[in-house]
Structure formats: structure tokens, C-alpha cells
Protein backbone atom coordinates (compact mmCIF):
# COMPACT_ATOMS: atom_id res chain seq x y z
CA UNK A 1 66.02 85.80 52.26
CA UNK A 2 63.38 88.36 52.62
CA UNK A 3 65.87 91.31 52.84
CA UNK A 4 67.51 89.93 49.54
CA UNK A 5 64.18 89.72 47.71
CA UNK A 6 63.46 93.26 48.70
CA UNK A 7 66.95 94.46 47.53
CA UNK A 8 66.35 92.66 44.14
CA UNK A 9 63.05 94.03 43.94
CA UNK A 10 64.28 97.48 44.33
CA UNK A 11 66.99 97.17 41.83
CA UNK A 12 64.61 95.70 39.34
CA UNK A 13 62.12 98.75 40.01
CA UNK A 14 65.13 101.23 39.51
CA UNK A 15 66.37 99.29 36.42
CA UNK A 16 62.53 99.62 34.62
CA UNK A 17 62.41 103.17 35.71
CA UNK A 18 65.71 104.11 34.13
CA UNK A 19 64.60 102.03 30.93
CA UNK A 20 61.36 103.90 30.80
CA UNK A 21 62.91 107.31 31.21
CA UNK A 22 65.37 106.34 28.54
CA UNK A 23 62.40 105.50 26.15
CA UNK A 24 61.10 108.88 26.66
CA UNK A 25 64.55 110.63 26.24
CA UNK A 26 64.52 108.96 22.91
CA UNK A 27 61.05 109.52 21.94
CA UNK A 28 61.49 113.33 22.61
CA UNK A 29 64.65 113.07 20.17
CA UNK A 30 62.56 111.27 17.47
CA UNK A 31 59.81 113.83 18.02
CA UNK A 32 62.11 116.61 17.57
CA UNK A 33 63.47 115.25 14.40
CA UNK A 34 59.79 114.85 13.05
CA UNK A 35 59.09 118.58 13.98
CA UNK A 36 62.18 119.88 12.60
CA UNK A 37 61.05 118.05 9.23
CA UNK A 38 57.49 118.80 9.05
CA UNK A 39 57.08 121.90 10.98
CA UNK A 40 60.06 123.99 11.14
CA UNK A 41 59.50 125.75 7.89
CA UNK A 42 56.61 127.79 9.54
CA UNK A 43 56.78 127.17 13.38
CA UNK A 44 59.10 127.84 15.95
CA UNK A 45 59.84 124.37 17.13
CA UNK A 46 62.45 124.97 20.23
CA UNK A 47 61.98 126.44 23.69
CA UNK A 48 62.86 129.99 22.22
CA UNK A 49 62.51 131.74 19.05
CA UNK A 50 59.99 133.21 16.75
CA UNK A 51 58.19 131.26 14.13
CA UNK A 52 59.21 131.96 10.63
CA UNK A 53 55.68 132.39 9.66
CA UNK A 54 54.14 135.09 12.09
CA UNK A 55 50.81 133.63 11.63
CA UNK A 56 52.12 130.05 12.90
CA UNK A 57 52.28 129.86 16.70
CA UNK A 58 55.26 128.44 18.12
CA UNK A 59 54.95 125.01 19.01
CA UNK A 60 55.94 125.54 22.60
CA UNK A 61 52.58 127.30 22.99
CA UNK A 62 50.27 124.82 21.95
CA UNK A 63 49.74 123.44 25.49
CA UNK A 64 48.33 126.83 26.17
CA UNK A 65 45.55 126.35 23.71
CA UNK A 66 44.61 122.58 24.40
CA UNK A 67 46.45 119.67 26.06
CA UNK A 68 48.60 118.29 23.59
CA UNK A 69 47.63 114.70 24.26
CA UNK A 70 44.21 115.95 22.53
CA UNK A 71 46.12 116.33 19.55
CA UNK A 72 46.61 112.49 18.99
CA UNK A 73 43.52 112.24 16.92
CA UNK A 74 44.37 115.18 14.88
CA UNK A 75 47.93 113.57 14.19
CA UNK A 76 46.50 110.35 12.96
CA UNK A 77 43.51 111.53 10.78
CA UNK A 78 45.35 114.62 9.41
CA UNK A 79 45.58 118.04 10.82
CA UNK A 80 43.46 120.68 9.36
CA UNK A 81 43.52 124.31 9.76
CA UNK A 82 41.49 127.43 8.94
CA UNK A 83 44.23 128.94 6.77
CA UNK A 84 45.53 127.52 3.40
CA UNK A 85 49.40 127.78 4.20
CA UNK A 86 49.23 124.69 6.38
CA UNK A 87 49.90 121.53 4.52
CA UNK A 88 47.96 118.23 5.79
CA UNK A 89 49.88 115.84 7.73
CA UNK A 90 49.09 112.53 8.69
CA UNK A 91 51.36 110.40 11.17
CA UNK A 92 51.72 106.72 12.29
CA UNK A 93 51.00 105.84 16.04
CA UNK A 94 54.67 105.59 16.90
CA UNK A 95 55.38 108.84 15.11
CA UNK A 96 52.40 110.42 17.05
CA UNK A 97 53.59 109.20 20.35
CA UNK A 98 57.12 110.76 19.61
CA UNK A 99 55.50 114.30 18.82
CA UNK A 100 53.35 114.19 21.85
CA UNK A 101 56.49 113.45 23.91
CA UNK A 102 58.42 116.36 22.41
CA UNK A 103 55.57 118.55 22.63
CA UNK A 104 55.19 117.74 26.15
CA UNK A 105 58.92 118.54 26.67
CA UNK A 106 58.33 122.06 25.77
CA UNK A 107 55.91 122.76 28.14
């Protein structure tokens, strides 16, 4: 009986780990859709390539400036930059989670 319970616990653990991994994959996909929609006009949004606007850093390099998790507040309150070309964006909490997941996937 103890072996059966241990086996079931292992299977349940694997199931939940797989479910969490699937959620992460979906979050990355949703985040990619968001950056394609809002960011790709100026920023390189993939793992390679140059930004269409030379002053806009590739999103894959953001983690070199600061931890991407620290962008959560900026995404929620509206991103402001020191240059007028960048529009102001505000995102909902679920969108922010997806954006962060995508940015982390670029690291």
C-alpha cells in the first residue's frame, strides 16, 4: 500500500509539473503575441535581428540592464521613457505575467 501511495504521489507530481510547464509555454506564446503587437514596430522582439528603430534596444537585451521581473510595475503603471518616440503602454496583470514570461524566454 505504501508503495502504491508513493507511486501515485510521483505520478501526481509529474502531472502537475507538466501542467505548470504547459502553462509557461502558453504564457510565452501569449507574451510573444503582445510584443509583436505593441513593440515590434520599434524593437527587435526575437532572439536575433536588429531593431527597426536604431534607438530602441532589442528586447532580448533588457535583462542586461535590469532584471525583467522589475518591469512588472512599469508595465502596470505605464512605461515612460526619456524619448518621445515611445508611446505609453499599460497592461493588465495577466498580460504582464505573459510579457515577463516572454522576456525571460529571450535571456
